[in-house]
């Protein structure tokens, strides 16, 4: 168990936020904030990992507005022909 002391002004702020956010106590509110911070850090680490993976994935290409337009056209054509793309699967979930 962790026991911390806060200045009166900070304690009042935490208690008000806990009530406003619908928590039963300031302890529950602080616990929720810590859990959210853990989730944020995990998400940041995941994004950083994906960025490194992308950087190490091969020769870089220049991504321009024209490149994005060609990519949209290609995906649209694949979708119109009933070809499931990786994007379709991730957005729609794996459906049979």
C-alpha atoms as a PDB file:
ATOM      1  CA  UNK A   1       0.000   0.000   0.000  1.00  0.00           C
ATOM      2  CA  UNK A   2       1.222   3.475  -0.874  1.00  0.00           C
ATOM      3  CA  UNK A   3       0.398   6.395   1.357  1.00  0.00           C
ATOM      4  CA  UNK A   4       1.180   9.901   0.095  1.00  0.00           C
ATOM      5  CA  UNK A   5       0.676  13.338   1.562  1.00  0.00           C
ATOM      6  CA  UNK A   6      -0.506  16.153  -0.655  1.00  0.00           C
ATOM      7  CA  UNK A   7      -0.686  19.870  -0.023  1.00  0.00           C
ATOM      8  CA  UNK A   8      -4.228  20.965   0.882  1.00  0.00           C
ATOM      9  CA  UNK A   9      -4.782  22.664  -2.482  1.00  0.00           C
ATOM     10  CA  UNK A  10      -3.758  19.545  -4.407  1.00  0.00           C
ATOM     11  CA  UNK A  11      -5.802  17.295  -2.105  1.00  0.00           C
ATOM     12  CA  UNK A  12      -8.885  19.467  -2.729  1.00  0.00           C
ATOM     13  CA  UNK A  13      -8.302  19.340  -6.468  1.00  0.00           C
ATOM     14  CA  UNK A  14      -7.993  15.533  -6.463  1.00  0.00           C
ATOM     15  CA  UNK A  15     -11.132  15.129  -4.349  1.00  0.00           C
ATOM     16  CA  UNK A  16     -13.138  17.486  -6.614  1.00  0.00           C
ATOM     17  CA  UNK A  17     -11.957  15.695  -9.756  1.00  0.00           C
ATOM     18  CA  UNK A  18     -12.790  12.323  -8.223  1.00  0.00           C
ATOM     19  CA  UNK A  19     -16.351  13.432  -7.497  1.00  0.00           C
ATOM     20  CA  UNK A  20     -16.765  15.099 -10.899  1.00  0.00           C
ATOM     21  CA  UNK A  21     -15.466  11.990 -12.690  1.00  0.00           C
ATOM     22  CA  UNK A  22     -17.819   9.724 -10.714  1.00  0.00           C
ATOM     23  CA  UNK A  23     -15.282   7.866  -8.595  1.00  0.00           C
ATOM     24  CA  UNK A  24     -16.162   6.624  -5.115  1.00  0.00           C
ATOM     25  CA  UNK A  25     -13.015   8.093  -3.595  1.00  0.00           C
ATOM     26  CA  UNK A  26      -9.883  10.075  -4.296  1.00  0.00           C
ATOM     27  CA  UNK A  27      -7.960   6.787  -3.985  1.00  0.00           C
ATOM     28  CA  UNK A  28     -10.008   5.250  -6.814  1.00  0.00           C
ATOM     29  CA  UNK A  29      -9.417   8.347  -8.937  1.00  0.00           C
ATOM     30  CA  UNK A  30      -5.643   8.312  -8.382  1.00  0.00           C
ATOM     31  CA  UNK A  31      -5.552   4.566  -9.097  1.00  0.00           C
ATOM     32  CA  UNK A  32      -7.427   5.194 -12.364  1.00  0.00           C
ATOM     33  CA  UNK A  33      -4.927   7.908 -13.346  1.00  0.00           C
ATOM     34  CA  UNK A  34      -2.006   5.570 -12.700  1.00  0.00           C
ATOM     35  CA  UNK A  35      -3.575   2.784 -14.766  1.00  0.00           C
ATOM     36  CA  UNK A  36      -4.227   5.238 -17.616  1.00  0.00           C
ATOM     37  CA  UNK A  37      -0.592   6.361 -17.450  1.00  0.00           C
ATOM     38  CA  UNK A  38       0.574   2.738 -17.649  1.00  0.00           C
ATOM     39  CA  UNK A  39      -1.640   2.229 -20.715  1.00  0.00           C
ATOM     40  CA  UNK A  40      -0.333   5.444 -22.307  1.00  0.00           C
ATOM     41  CA  UNK A  41       3.276   4.365 -21.783  1.00  0.00           C
ATOM     42  CA  UNK A  42       2.565   0.905 -23.246  1.00  0.00           C
ATOM     43  CA  UNK A  43       0.896   2.501 -26.273  1.00  0.00           C
ATOM     44  CA  UNK A  44       3.820   4.903 -26.740  1.00  0.00           C
ATOM     45  CA  UNK A  45       6.283   2.004 -26.577  1.00  0.00           C
ATOM     46  CA  UNK A  46       4.212   0.108 -29.171  1.00  0.00           C
ATOM     47  CA  UNK A  47       4.190   3.102 -31.527  1.00  0.00           C
ATOM     48  CA  UNK A  48       7.932   3.589 -31.087  1.00  0.00           C
ATOM     49  CA  UNK A  49       8.491  -0.098 -31.801  1.00  0.00           C
ATOM     50  CA  UNK A  50       6.416   0.122 -34.979  1.00  0.00           C
ATOM     51  CA  UNK A  51       8.312   3.234 -36.064  1.00  0.00           C
ATOM     52  CA  UNK A  52      11.658   1.474 -35.583  1.00  0.00           C
ATOM     53  CA  UNK A  53      10.302  -1.566 -37.429  1.00  0.00           C
ATOM     54  CA  UNK A  54       9.257   0.690 -40.292  1.00  0.00           C
ATOM     55  CA  UNK A  55      12.620   2.434 -40.385  1.00  0.00           C
ATOM     56  CA  UNK A  56      14.412  -0.915 -40.510  1.00  0.00           C
ATOM     57  CA  UNK A  57      12.045  -2.508 -43.047  1.00  0.00           C
ATOM     58  CA  UNK A  58      14.020  -1.718 -46.159  1.00  0.00           C
ATOM     59  CA  UNK A  59      14.851   1.037 -48.572  1.00  0.00           C
ATOM     60  CA  UNK A  60      12.881   4.224 -47.922  1.00  0.00           C
ATOM     61  CA  UNK A  61      10.451   5.572 -50.485  1.00  0.00           C
ATOM     62  CA  UNK A  62       9.266   9.112 -50.928  1.00  0.00           C
ATOM     63  CA  UNK A  63       5.607   9.373 -49.995  1.00  0.00           C
ATOM     64  CA  UNK A  64       3.999  12.234 -51.852  1.00  0.00           C
ATOM     65  CA  UNK A  65       0.409  13.286 -52.466  1.00  0.00           C
ATOM     66  CA  UNK A  66       0.615  11.438 -55.808  1.00  0.00           C
ATOM     67  CA  UNK A  67       1.804   8.255 -54.047  1.00  0.00           C
ATOM     68  CA  UNK A  68      -1.179   8.426 -51.642  1.00  0.00           C
ATOM     69  CA  UNK A  69      -3.590   8.966 -54.537  1.00  0.00           C
ATOM     70  CA  UNK A  70      -2.199   5.928 -56.371  1.00  0.00           C
ATOM     71  CA  UNK A  71      -2.489   3.891 -53.161  1.00  0.00           C
ATOM     72  CA  UNK A  72      -6.160   4.950 -52.721  1.00  0.00           C
ATOM     73  CA  UNK A  73      -6.956   4.078 -56.344  1.00  0.00           C
ATOM     74  CA  UNK A  74      -5.241   0.696 -56.004  1.00  0.00           C
ATOM     75  CA  UNK A  75      -7.130  -0.130 -52.786  1.00  0.00           C
ATOM     76  CA  UNK A  76     -10.398   1.064 -54.302  1.00  0.00           C
ATOM     77  CA  UNK A  77      -9.910  -1.160 -57.360  1.00  0.00           C
ATOM     78  CA  UNK A  78      -9.071  -4.150 -55.163  1.00  0.00           C
ATOM     79  CA  UNK A  79     -12.132  -3.483 -53.021  1.00  0.00           C
ATOM     80  CA  UNK A  80     -14.407  -3.113 -56.055  1.00  0.00           C
ATOM     81  CA  UNK A  81     -13.230  -6.505 -57.313  1.00  0.00           C
ATOM     82  CA  UNK A  82     -13.997  -8.196 -53.996  1.00  0.00           C
ATOM     83  CA  UNK A  83     -10.383  -8.603 -52.985  1.00  0.00           C
ATOM     84  CA  UNK A  84     -10.036  -8.215 -49.234  1.00  0.00           C
ATOM     85  CA  UNK A  85      -7.162  -5.979 -48.317  1.00  0.00           C
ATOM     86  CA  UNK A  86      -5.253  -6.049 -45.065  1.00  0.00           C
ATOM     87  CA  UNK A  87      -6.895  -2.713 -44.257  1.00  0.00           C
ATOM     88  CA  UNK A  88     -10.366  -4.210 -44.817  1.00  0.00           C
ATOM     89  CA  UNK A  89      -9.624  -7.090 -42.456  1.00  0.00           C
ATOM     90  CA  UNK A  90      -8.241  -4.885 -39.710  1.00  0.00           C
ATOM     91  CA  UNK A  91     -11.135  -2.435 -39.908  1.00  0.00           C
ATOM     92  CA  UNK A  92     -13.925  -4.962 -40.286  1.00  0.00           C
ATOM     93  CA  UNK A  93     -12.460  -7.769 -38.196  1.00  0.00           C
ATOM     94  CA  UNK A  94     -11.967 -11.272 -39.433  1.00  0.00           C
ATOM     95  CA  UNK A  95     -15.369 -12.146 -40.856  1.00  0.00           C
ATOM     96  CA  UNK A  96     -16.222 -15.144 -42.951  1.00  0.00           C
END
